[in-house]
Amino acid sequence: MPKTYAQIREQIDALQREAELLRREEVKGVVARILVTIELYGLTSEDLGFVVPRKRRVAVKRTASRQSAGTAVKYRDVQGNTWGGRGPRPRWLRDALAAGHDLSEFAA
């Protein structure tokens, strides 16, 4: 008698659960071998490529008016989101205004 779709689906689910258990067991063995090798050779996270080097920031000369323009916070919410009042309104503020809040509620 041919199998039904539900029976095949049940077999697939059972095989996937079994495969996941086998994968977890194999991963434990792999990790154990890796840890032994790391210890044996004294490898660091940098040796393994896990440390991302910081990009050097290029100093940009700004005028005094340019420096102060982006630092003043005019609007703030209770979650700590801020906006200086320049450029388009940020999403958090647009959402709050759409929800019925008044702009003056967020004045810093």
PDB file of N, CA and C in Angstrom:
ATOM      1  N   MET A   1       0.833  -1.166   0.000  1.00  0.00           N
ATOM      2  CA  MET A   1       0.000   0.000   0.000  1.00  0.00           C
ATOM      3  C   MET A   1       0.892   1.248   0.000  1.00  0.00           C
ATOM      4  N   PRO A   2       0.611   2.230  -0.858  1.00  0.00           N
ATOM      5  CA  PRO A   2       1.441   3.432  -0.928  1.00  0.00           C
ATOM      6  C   PRO A   2       1.269   4.293   0.334  1.00  0.00           C
ATOM      7  N   LYS A   3       2.322   4.999   0.651  1.00  0.00           N
ATOM      8  CA  LYS A   3       2.301   5.860   1.829  1.00  0.00           C
ATOM      9  C   LYS A   3       1.555   7.147   1.508  1.00  0.00           C
ATOM     10  N   THR A   4       0.988   7.732   2.555  1.00  0.00           N
ATOM     11  CA  THR A   4       0.301   9.009   2.385  1.00  0.00           C
ATOM     12  C   THR A   4       1.306  10.140   2.578  1.00  0.00           C
ATOM     13  N   TYR A   5       0.871  11.313   2.189  1.00  0.00           N
ATOM     14  CA  TYR A   5       1.708  12.488   2.363  1.00  0.00           C
ATOM     15  C   TYR A   5       2.028  12.691   3.845  1.00  0.00           C
ATOM     16  N   ALA A   6       1.034  12.519   4.693  1.00  0.00           N
ATOM     17  CA  ALA A   6       1.232  12.710   6.130  1.00  0.00           C
ATOM     18  C   ALA A   6       2.253  11.721   6.683  1.00  0.00           C
ATOM     19  N   GLN A   7       2.236  10.488   6.219  1.00  0.00           N
ATOM     20  CA  GLN A   7       3.194   9.487   6.689  1.00  0.00           C
ATOM     21  C   GLN A   7       4.612   9.857   6.266  1.00  0.00           C
ATOM     22  N   ILE A   8       4.762  10.288   5.035  1.00  0.00           N
ATOM     23  CA  ILE A   8       6.087  10.693   4.543  1.00  0.00           C
ATOM     24  C   ILE A   8       6.565  11.928   5.295  1.00  0.00           C
ATOM     25  N   ARG A   9       5.661  12.875   5.542  1.00  0.00           N
ATOM     26  CA  ARG A   9       6.021  14.084   6.284  1.00  0.00           C
ATOM     27  C   ARG A   9       6.494  13.713   7.701  1.00  0.00           C
ATOM     28  N   GLU A  10       5.827  12.756   8.312  1.00  0.00           N
ATOM     29  CA  GLU A  10       6.203  12.289   9.644  1.00  0.00           C
ATOM     30  C   GLU A  10       7.583  11.638   9.629  1.00  0.00           C
ATOM     31  N   GLN A  11       7.867  10.867   8.583  1.00  0.00           N
ATOM     32  CA  GLN A  11       9.192  10.247   8.449  1.00  0.00           C
ATOM     33  C   GLN A  11      10.266  11.319   8.280  1.00  0.00           C
ATOM     34  N   ILE A  12       9.967  12.309   7.467  1.00  0.00           N
ATOM     35  CA  ILE A  12      10.929  13.398   7.237  1.00  0.00           C
ATOM     36  C   ILE A  12      11.230  14.105   8.555  1.00  0.00           C
ATOM     37  N   ASP A  13      10.182  14.427   9.324  1.00  0.00           N
ATOM     38  CA  ASP A  13      10.375  15.106  10.607  1.00  0.00           C
ATOM     39  C   ASP A  13      11.225  14.261  11.553  1.00  0.00           C
ATOM     40  N   ALA A  14      10.937  12.951  11.599  1.00  0.00           N
ATOM     41  CA  ALA A  14      11.703  12.052  12.478  1.00  0.00           C
ATOM     42  C   ALA A  14      13.162  11.995  12.046  1.00  0.00           C
ATOM     43  N   LEU A  15      13.408  11.930  10.726  1.00  0.00           N
ATOM     44  CA  LEU A  15      14.785  11.896  10.223  1.00  0.00           C
ATOM     45  C   LEU A  15      15.511  13.208  10.510  1.00  0.00           C
ATOM     46  N   GLN A  16      14.808  14.319  10.408  1.00  0.00           N
ATOM     47  CA  GLN A  16      15.442  15.606  10.690  1.00  0.00           C
ATOM     48  C   GLN A  16      15.825  15.707  12.162  1.00  0.00           C
ATOM     49  N   ARG A  17      14.968  15.230  13.054  1.00  0.00           N
ATOM     50  CA  ARG A  17      15.304  15.230  14.477  1.00  0.00           C
ATOM     51  C   ARG A  17      16.517  14.340  14.738  1.00  0.00           C
ATOM     52  N   GLU A  18      16.534  13.168  14.100  1.00  0.00           N
ATOM     53  CA  GLU A  18      17.661  12.243  14.274  1.00  0.00           C
ATOM     54  C   GLU A  18      18.947  12.859  13.728  1.00  0.00           C
ATOM     55  N   ALA A  19      18.851  13.504  12.567  1.00  0.00           N
ATOM     56  CA  ALA A  19      20.030  14.139  11.971  1.00  0.00           C
ATOM     57  C   ALA A  19      20.568  15.247  12.869  1.00  0.00           C
ATOM     58  N   GLU A  20      19.681  16.035  13.469  1.00  0.00           N
ATOM     59  CA  GLU A  20      20.118  17.110  14.347  1.00  0.00           C
ATOM     60  C   GLU A  20      20.830  16.557  15.576  1.00  0.00           C
ATOM     61  N   LEU A  21      20.332  15.475  16.147  1.00  0.00           N
ATOM     62  CA  LEU A  21      21.009  14.853  17.291  1.00  0.00           C
ATOM     63  C   LEU A  21      22.396  14.350  16.905  1.00  0.00           C
ATOM     64  N   LEU A  22      22.506  13.714  15.739  1.00  0.00           N
ATOM     65  CA  LEU A  22      23.803  13.225  15.276  1.00  0.00           C
ATOM     66  C   LEU A  22      24.771  14.377  15.017  1.00  0.00           C
ATOM     67  N   ARG A  23      24.246  15.452  14.427  1.00  0.00           N
ATOM     68  CA  ARG A  23      25.088  16.622  14.149  1.00  0.00           C
ATOM     69  C   ARG A  23      25.635  17.195  15.448  1.00  0.00           C
ATOM     70  N   ARG A  24      24.777  17.326  16.455  1.00  0.00           N
ATOM     71  CA  ARG A  24      25.226  17.870  17.741  1.00  0.00           C
ATOM     72  C   ARG A  24      26.336  17.017  18.350  1.00  0.00           C
ATOM     73  N   GLU A  25      26.189  15.707  18.277  1.00  0.00           N
ATOM     74  CA  GLU A  25      27.217  14.812  18.809  1.00  0.00           C
ATOM     75  C   GLU A  25      28.532  14.965  18.040  1.00  0.00           C
ATOM     76  N   GLU A  26      28.435  15.046  16.714  1.00  0.00           N
ATOM     77  CA  GLU A  26      29.647  15.204  15.908  1.00  0.00           C
ATOM     78  C   GLU A  26      30.317  16.543  16.191  1.00  0.00           C
ATOM     79  N   VAL A  27      29.501  17.593  16.365  1.00  0.00           N
ATOM     80  CA  VAL A  27      30.056  18.917  16.638  1.00  0.00           C
ATOM     81  C   VAL A  27      30.825  18.897  17.956  1.00  0.00           C
ATOM     82  N   LYS A  28      30.304  18.203  18.966  1.00  0.00           N
ATOM     83  CA  LYS A  28      31.016  18.102  20.246  1.00  0.00           C
ATOM     84  C   LYS A  28      32.414  17.517  20.040  1.00  0.00           C
ATOM     85  N   GLY A  29      32.509  16.480  19.227  1.00  0.00           N
ATOM     86  CA  GLY A  29      33.809  15.866  18.953  1.00  0.00           C
ATOM     87  C   GLY A  29      34.738  16.796  18.200  1.00  0.00           C
ATOM     88  N   VAL A  30      34.194  17.490  17.219  1.00  0.00           N
ATOM     89  CA  VAL A  30      35.002  18.429  16.437  1.00  0.00           C
ATOM     90  C   VAL A  30      35.527  19.540  17.330  1.00  0.00           C
ATOM     91  N   VAL A  31      34.649  20.101  18.163  1.00  0.00           N
ATOM     92  CA  VAL A  31      35.060  21.192  19.056  1.00  0.00           C
ATOM     93  C   VAL A  31      36.136  20.708  20.023  1.00  0.00           C
ATOM     94  N   ALA A  32      35.981  19.504  20.540  1.00  0.00           N
ATOM     95  CA  ALA A  32      36.985  18.955  21.462  1.00  0.00           C
ATOM     96  C   ALA A  32      38.340  18.839  20.775  1.00  0.00           C
ATOM     97  N   ARG A  33      38.359  18.358  19.530  1.00  0.00           N
ATOM     98  CA  ARG A  33      39.632  18.237  18.794  1.00  0.00           C
ATOM     99  C   ARG A  33      40.225  19.613  18.504  1.00  0.00           C
ATOM    100  N   ILE A  34      39.384  20.569  18.187  1.00  0.00           N
ATOM    101  CA  ILE A  34      39.872  21.928  17.929  1.00  0.00           C
ATOM    102  C   ILE A  34      40.503  22.512  19.183  1.00  0.00           C
ATOM    103  N   LEU A  35      39.836  22.336  20.322  1.00  0.00           N
ATOM    104  CA  LEU A  35      40.370  22.879  21.578  1.00  0.00           C
ATOM    105  C   LEU A  35      41.714  22.253  21.932  1.00  0.00           C
ATOM    106  N   VAL A  36      41.865  20.961  21.688  1.00  0.00           N
ATOM    107  CA  VAL A  36      43.136  20.295  21.954  1.00  0.00           C
ATOM    108  C   VAL A  36      44.224  20.890  21.061  1.00  0.00           C
ATOM    109  N   THR A  37      43.890  21.095  19.800  1.00  0.00           N
ATOM    110  CA  THR A  37      44.866  21.654  18.851  1.00  0.00           C
ATOM    111  C   THR A  37      45.231  23.088  19.221  1.00  0.00           C
ATOM    112  N   ILE A  38      44.257  23.880  19.615  1.00  0.00           N
ATOM    113  CA  ILE A  38      44.526  25.264  20.033  1.00  0.00           C
ATOM    114  C   ILE A  38      45.478  25.266  21.221  1.00  0.00           C
ATOM    115  N   GLU A  39      45.207  24.396  22.180  1.00  0.00           N
ATOM    116  CA  GLU A  39      46.068  24.303  23.366  1.00  0.00           C
ATOM    117  C   GLU A  39      47.473  23.839  22.990  1.00  0.00           C
ATOM    118  N   LEU A  40      47.551  22.839  22.125  1.00  0.00           N
ATOM    119  CA  LEU A  40      48.833  22.274  21.725  1.00  0.00           C
ATOM    120  C   LEU A  40      49.730  23.319  21.072  1.00  0.00           C
ATOM    121  N   TYR A  41      49.164  24.122  20.191  1.00  0.00           N
ATOM    122  CA  TYR A  41      49.953  25.104  19.457  1.00  0.00           C
ATOM    123  C   TYR A  41      49.926  26.501  20.095  1.00  0.00           C
ATOM    124  N   GLY A  42      49.157  26.676  21.147  1.00  0.00           N
ATOM    125  CA  GLY A  42      49.095  27.976  21.814  1.00  0.00           C
ATOM    126  C   GLY A  42      48.495  29.049  20.919  1.00  0.00           C
ATOM    127  N   LEU A  43      47.496  28.689  20.148  1.00  0.00           N
ATOM    128  CA  LEU A  43      46.895  29.636  19.216  1.00  0.00           C
ATOM    129  C   LEU A  43      46.024  30.652  19.946  1.00  0.00           C
ATOM    130  N   THR A  44      45.984  31.861  19.410  1.00  0.00           N
ATOM    131  CA  THR A  44      45.146  32.922  19.963  1.00  0.00           C
ATOM    132  C   THR A  44      43.994  33.182  19.010  1.00  0.00           C
ATOM    133  N   SER A  45      43.019  33.939  19.459  1.00  0.00           N
ATOM    134  CA  SER A  45      41.894  34.278  18.584  1.00  0.00           C
ATOM    135  C   SER A  45      42.373  35.085  17.387  1.00  0.00           C
ATOM    136  N   GLU A  46      43.418  35.858  17.573  1.00  0.00           N
ATOM    137  CA  GLU A  46      43.984  36.617  16.461  1.00  0.00           C
ATOM    138  C   GLU A  46      44.617  35.667  15.436  1.00  0.00           C
ATOM    139  N   ASP A  47      45.325  34.615  15.913  1.00  0.00           N
ATOM    140  CA  ASP A  47      45.911  33.627  15.013  1.00  0.00           C
ATOM    141  C   ASP A  47      44.834  32.955  14.165  1.00  0.00           C
ATOM    142  N   LEU A  48      43.676  32.760  14.779  1.00  0.00           N
ATOM    143  CA  LEU A  48      42.585  32.079  14.083  1.00  0.00           C
ATOM    144  C   LEU A  48      41.750  33.019  13.228  1.00  0.00           C
ATOM    145  N   GLY A  49      42.061  34.306  13.267  1.00  0.00           N
ATOM    146  CA  GLY A  49      41.348  35.271  12.430  1.00  0.00           C
ATOM    147  C   GLY A  49      40.055  35.774  13.044  1.00  0.00           C
ATOM    148  N   PHE A  50      39.881  35.600  14.356  1.00  0.00           N
ATOM    149  CA  PHE A  50      38.657  36.031  15.010  1.00  0.00           C
ATOM    150  C   PHE A  50      38.694  37.479  15.454  1.00  0.00           C
ATOM    151  N   VAL A  51      39.859  38.079  15.505  1.00  0.00           N
ATOM    152  CA  VAL A  51      39.979  39.472  15.918  1.00  0.00           C
ATOM    153  C   VAL A  51      39.987  40.325  14.670  1.00  0.00           C
ATOM    154  N   VAL A  52      39.023  41.201  14.586  1.00  0.00           N
ATOM    155  CA  VAL A  52      38.941  42.089  13.435  1.00  0.00           C
ATOM    156  C   VAL A  52      39.744  43.337  13.756  1.00  0.00           C
ATOM    157  N   PRO A  53      40.758  43.634  12.937  1.00  0.00           N
ATOM    158  CA  PRO A  53      41.560  44.823  13.228  1.00  0.00           C
ATOM    159  C   PRO A  53      40.720  46.087  13.078  1.00  0.00           C
ATOM    160  N   ARG A  54      40.948  47.012  13.978  1.00  0.00           N
ATOM    161  CA  ARG A  54      40.225  48.273  13.896  1.00  0.00           C
ATOM    162  C   ARG A  54      40.733  49.077  12.719  1.00  0.00           C
ATOM    163  N   LYS A  55      39.798  49.703  12.040  1.00  0.00           N
ATOM    164  CA  LYS A  55      40.194  50.586  10.945  1.00  0.00           C
ATOM    165  C   LYS A  55      40.687  51.891  11.540  1.00  0.00           C
ATOM    166  N   ARG A  56      41.727  52.376  10.962  1.00  0.00           N
ATOM    167  CA  ARG A  56      42.250  53.655  11.430  1.00  0.00           C
ATOM    168  C   ARG A  56      41.334  54.764  10.952  1.00  0.00           C
ATOM    169  N   ARG A  57      40.999  55.623  11.880  1.00  0.00           N
ATOM    170  CA  ARG A  57      40.155  56.751  11.525  1.00  0.00           C
ATOM    171  C   ARG A  57      41.027  57.870  10.987  1.00  0.00           C
ATOM    172  N   VAL A  58      40.609  58.440   9.917  1.00  0.00           N
ATOM    173  CA  VAL A  58      41.334  59.556   9.326  1.00  0.00           C
ATOM    174  C   VAL A  58      40.826  60.834   9.972  1.00  0.00           C
ATOM    175  N   ALA A  59      41.735  61.605  10.493  1.00  0.00           N
ATOM    176  CA  ALA A  59      41.351  62.856  11.137  1.00  0.00           C
ATOM    177  C   ALA A  59      40.809  63.817  10.092  1.00  0.00           C
ATOM    178  N   VAL A  60      39.643  64.359  10.375  1.00  0.00           N
ATOM    179  CA  VAL A  60      39.023  65.317   9.468  1.00  0.00           C
ATOM    180  C   VAL A  60      38.984  66.657  10.173  1.00  0.00           C
ATOM    181  N   LYS A  61      39.558  67.646   9.515  1.00  0.00           N
ATOM    182  CA  LYS A  61      39.566  68.969  10.110  1.00  0.00           C
ATOM    183  C   LYS A  61      38.188  69.589   9.905  1.00  0.00           C
ATOM    184  N   ARG A  62      37.575  70.005  11.014  1.00  0.00           N
ATOM    185  CA  ARG A  62      36.249  70.618  10.953  1.00  0.00           C
ATOM    186  C   ARG A  62      36.331  72.035  11.483  1.00  0.00           C
ATOM    187  N   THR A  63      35.457  72.838  10.993  1.00  0.00           N
ATOM    188  CA  THR A  63      35.384  74.202  11.520  1.00  0.00           C
ATOM    189  C   THR A  63      34.613  74.159  12.823  1.00  0.00           C
ATOM    190  N   ALA A  64      34.731  75.185  13.624  1.00  0.00           N
ATOM    191  CA  ALA A  64      34.065  75.214  14.924  1.00  0.00           C
ATOM    192  C   ALA A  64      32.556  75.115  14.765  1.00  0.00           C
ATOM    193  N   SER A  65      31.989  75.797  13.770  1.00  0.00           N
ATOM    194  CA  SER A  65      30.538  75.751  13.595  1.00  0.00           C
ATOM    195  C   SER A  65      30.098  74.355  13.166  1.00  0.00           C
ATOM    196  N   ARG A  66      30.900  73.668  12.407  1.00  0.00           N
ATOM    197  CA  ARG A  66      30.578  72.316  11.953  1.00  0.00           C
ATOM    198  C   ARG A  66      30.620  71.331  13.119  1.00  0.00           C
ATOM    199  N   GLN A  67      31.557  71.501  14.018  1.00  0.00           N
ATOM    200  CA  GLN A  67      31.683  70.594  15.156  1.00  0.00           C
ATOM    201  C   GLN A  67      30.491  70.710  16.083  1.00  0.00           C
ATOM    202  N   SER A  68      30.029  71.896  16.345  1.00  0.00           N
ATOM    203  CA  SER A  68      28.952  72.066  17.308  1.00  0.00           C
ATOM    204  C   SER A  68      27.585  71.775  16.701  1.00  0.00           C
ATOM    205  N   ALA A  69      27.479  71.761  15.379  1.00  0.00           N
ATOM    206  CA  ALA A  69      26.184  71.578  14.739  1.00  0.00           C
ATOM    207  C   ALA A  69      25.567  70.219  15.064  1.00  0.00           C
ATOM    208  N   GLY A  70      26.355  69.158  15.103  1.00  0.00           N
ATOM    209  CA  GLY A  70      25.796  67.846  15.317  1.00  0.00           C
ATOM    210  C   GLY A  70      25.752  67.404  16.762  1.00  0.00           C
ATOM    211  N   THR A  71      26.214  68.228  17.690  1.00  0.00           N
ATOM    212  CA  THR A  71      26.319  67.770  19.069  1.00  0.00           C
ATOM    213  C   THR A  71      25.118  68.129  19.933  1.00  0.00           C
ATOM    214  N   ALA A  72      24.366  69.152  19.595  1.00  0.00           N
ATOM    215  CA  ALA A  72      23.257  69.578  20.446  1.00  0.00           C
ATOM    216  C   ALA A  72      22.050  68.663  20.237  1.00  0.00           C
ATOM    217  N   VAL A  73      21.563  68.112  21.337  1.00  0.00           N
ATOM    218  CA  VAL A  73      20.372  67.261  21.287  1.00  0.00           C
ATOM    219  C   VAL A  73      19.174  68.116  21.651  1.00  0.00           C
ATOM    220  N   LYS A  74      18.186  68.165  20.762  1.00  0.00           N
ATOM    221  CA  LYS A  74      16.999  68.971  21.016  1.00  0.00           C
ATOM    222  C   LYS A  74      15.809  68.125  21.431  1.00  0.00           C
ATOM    223  N   TYR A  75      15.809  66.848  21.017  1.00  0.00           N
ATOM    224  CA  TYR A  75      14.683  65.971  21.321  1.00  0.00           C
ATOM    225  C   TYR A  75      15.200  64.620  21.795  1.00  0.00           C
ATOM    226  N   ARG A  76      14.517  64.080  22.829  1.00  0.00           N
ATOM    227  CA  ARG A  76      14.954  62.821  23.431  1.00  0.00           C
ATOM    228  C   ARG A  76      13.718  62.073  23.916  1.00  0.00           C
ATOM    229  N   ASP A  77      13.735  60.726  23.798  1.00  0.00           N
ATOM    230  CA  ASP A  77      12.648  59.930  24.362  1.00  0.00           C
ATOM    231  C   ASP A  77      13.156  59.130  25.554  1.00  0.00           C
ATOM    232  N   VAL A  78      12.270  58.394  26.211  1.00  0.00           N
ATOM    233  CA  VAL A  78      12.641  57.659  27.419  1.00  0.00           C
ATOM    234  C   VAL A  78      13.570  56.486  27.128  1.00  0.00           C
ATOM    235  N   GLN A  79      13.600  55.985  25.891  1.00  0.00           N
ATOM    236  CA  GLN A  79      14.513  54.896  25.533  1.00  0.00           C
ATOM    237  C   GLN A  79      15.920  55.387  25.230  1.00  0.00           C
ATOM    238  N   GLY A  80      16.126  56.698  25.242  1.00  0.00           N
ATOM    239  CA  GLY A  80      17.454  57.240  24.991  1.00  0.00           C
ATOM    240  C   GLY A  80      17.692  57.645  23.547  1.00  0.00           C
ATOM    241  N   ASN A  81      16.682  57.530  22.689  1.00  0.00           N
ATOM    242  CA  ASN A  81      16.823  57.984  21.304  1.00  0.00           C
ATOM    243  C   ASN A  81      16.899  59.495  21.297  1.00  0.00           C
ATOM    244  N   THR A  82      17.735  60.035  20.427  1.00  0.00           N
ATOM    245  CA  THR A  82      17.901  61.485  20.369  1.00  0.00           C
ATOM    246  C   THR A  82      17.823  61.967  18.929  1.00  0.00           C
ATOM    247  N   TRP A  83      17.531  63.263  18.804  1.00  0.00           N
ATOM    248  CA  TRP A  83      17.531  63.917  17.501  1.00  0.00           C
ATOM    249  C   TRP A  83      17.907  65.369  17.719  1.00  0.00           C
ATOM    250  N   GLY A  84      18.780  65.897  16.871  1.00  0.00           N
ATOM    251  CA  GLY A  84      19.247  67.267  17.000  1.00  0.00           C
ATOM    252  C   GLY A  84      18.340  68.285  16.370  1.00  0.00           C
ATOM    253  N   GLY A  85      17.265  67.861  15.702  1.00  0.00           N
ATOM    254  CA  GLY A  85      16.343  68.808  15.099  1.00  0.00           C
ATOM    255  C   GLY A  85      16.685  69.158  13.667  1.00  0.00           C
ATOM    256  N   ARG A  86      17.748  68.553  13.146  1.00  0.00           N
ATOM    257  CA  ARG A  86      18.158  68.837  11.763  1.00  0.00           C
ATOM    258  C   ARG A  86      17.958  67.602  10.918  1.00  0.00           C
ATOM    259  N   GLY A  87      17.624  67.801   9.666  1.00  0.00           N
ATOM    260  CA  GLY A  87      17.424  66.677   8.763  1.00  0.00           C
ATOM    261  C   GLY A  87      16.061  66.042   8.998  1.00  0.00           C
ATOM    262  N   PRO A  88      15.804  64.946   8.319  1.00  0.00           N
ATOM    263  CA  PRO A  88      14.503  64.296   8.481  1.00  0.00           C
ATOM    264  C   PRO A  88      14.320  63.749   9.893  1.00  0.00           C
ATOM    265  N   ARG A  89      13.095  63.727  10.339  1.00  0.00           N
ATOM    266  CA  ARG A  89      12.807  63.189  11.672  1.00  0.00           C
ATOM    267  C   ARG A  89      13.106  61.697  11.694  1.00  0.00           C
ATOM    268  N   PRO A  90      13.702  61.215  12.771  1.00  0.00           N
ATOM    269  CA  PRO A  90      14.000  59.788  12.861  1.00  0.00           C
ATOM    270  C   PRO A  90      12.707  58.978  13.053  1.00  0.00           C
ATOM    271  N   ARG A  91      12.797  57.714  12.739  1.00  0.00           N
ATOM    272  CA  ARG A  91      11.625  56.838  12.787  1.00  0.00           C
ATOM    273  C   ARG A  91      10.963  56.830  14.169  1.00  0.00           C
ATOM    274  N   TRP A  92      11.775  56.772  15.231  1.00  0.00           N
ATOM    275  CA  TRP A  92      11.184  56.708  16.572  1.00  0.00           C
ATOM    276  C   TRP A  92      10.306  57.921  16.854  1.00  0.00           C
ATOM    277  N   LEU A  93      10.717  59.093  16.352  1.00  0.00           N
ATOM    278  CA  LEU A  93       9.956  60.312  16.572  1.00  0.00           C
ATOM    279  C   LEU A  93       8.719  60.346  15.681  1.00  0.00           C
ATOM    280  N   ARG A  94       8.873  59.953  14.432  1.00  0.00           N
ATOM    281  CA  ARG A  94       7.717  59.903  13.520  1.00  0.00           C
ATOM    282  C   ARG A  94       6.650  58.959  14.060  1.00  0.00           C
ATOM    283  N   ASP A  95       7.079  57.791  14.559  1.00  0.00           N
ATOM    284  CA  ASP A  95       6.126  56.823  15.107  1.00  0.00           C
ATOM    285  C   ASP A  95       5.407  57.385  16.328  1.00  0.00           C
ATOM    286  N   ALA A  96       6.157  58.079  17.189  1.00  0.00           N
ATOM    287  CA  ALA A  96       5.546  58.657  18.392  1.00  0.00           C
ATOM    288  C   ALA A  96       4.548  59.745  18.021  1.00  0.00           C
ATOM    289  N   LEU A  97       4.892  60.580  17.064  1.00  0.00           N
ATOM    290  CA  LEU A  97       3.977  61.637  16.632  1.00  0.00           C
ATOM    291  C   LEU A  97       2.730  61.043  15.985  1.00  0.00           C
ATOM    292  N   ALA A  98       2.907  59.984  15.205  1.00  0.00           N
ATOM    293  CA  ALA A  98       1.768  59.317  14.577  1.00  0.00           C
ATOM    294  C   ALA A  98       0.865  58.667  15.623  1.00  0.00           C
ATOM    295  N   ALA A  99       1.451  58.298  16.766  1.00  0.00           N
ATOM    296  CA  ALA A  99       0.680  57.677  17.839  1.00  0.00           C
ATOM    297  C   ALA A  99      -0.035  58.713  18.708  1.00  0.00           C
ATOM    298  N   GLY A 100       0.097  59.990  18.384  1.00  0.00           N
ATOM    299  CA  GLY A 100      -0.634  61.026  19.100  1.00  0.00           C
ATOM    300  C   GLY A 100       0.187  61.861  20.051  1.00  0.00           C
ATOM    301  N   HIS A 101       1.479  61.603  20.158  1.00  0.00           N
ATOM    302  CA  HIS A 101       2.332  62.412  21.040  1.00  0.00           C
ATOM    303  C   HIS A 101       2.612  63.767  20.399  1.00  0.00           C
ATOM    304  N   ASP A 102       2.976  64.724  21.236  1.00  0.00           N
ATOM    305  CA  ASP A 102       3.301  66.058  20.764  1.00  0.00           C
ATOM    306  C   ASP A 102       4.808  66.234  20.765  1.00  0.00           C
ATOM    307  N   LEU A 103       5.336  66.967  19.803  1.00  0.00           N
ATOM    308  CA  LEU A 103       6.762  67.192  19.679  1.00  0.00           C
ATOM    309  C   LEU A 103       7.364  67.793  20.947  1.00  0.00           C
ATOM    310  N   SER A 104       6.610  68.659  21.607  1.00  0.00           N
ATOM    311  CA  SER A 104       7.113  69.320  22.816  1.00  0.00           C
ATOM    312  C   SER A 104       7.373  68.324  23.963  1.00  0.00           C
ATOM    313  N   GLU A 105       6.748  67.138  23.921  1.00  0.00           N
ATOM    314  CA  GLU A 105       6.965  66.133  24.939  1.00  0.00           C
ATOM    315  C   GLU A 105       8.402  65.596  24.915  1.00  0.00           C
ATOM    316  N   PHE A 106       9.050  65.736  23.766  1.00  0.00           N
ATOM    317  CA  PHE A 106      10.384  65.173  23.598  1.00  0.00           C
ATOM    318  C   PHE A 106      11.488  66.217  23.677  1.00  0.00           C
ATOM    319  N   ALA A 107      11.146  67.455  23.962  1.00  0.00           N
ATOM    320  CA  ALA A 107      12.138  68.522  24.042  1.00  0.00           C
ATOM    321  C   ALA A 107      13.135  68.199  25.155  1.00  0.00           C
ATOM    322  N   ALA A 108      14.414  68.331  24.813  1.00  0.00           N
ATOM    323  CA  ALA A 108      15.471  67.997  25.787  1.00  0.00           C
ATOM    324  C   ALA A 108      15.725  69.144  26.729  1.00  0.00           C
TER     325      ALA A 108
END
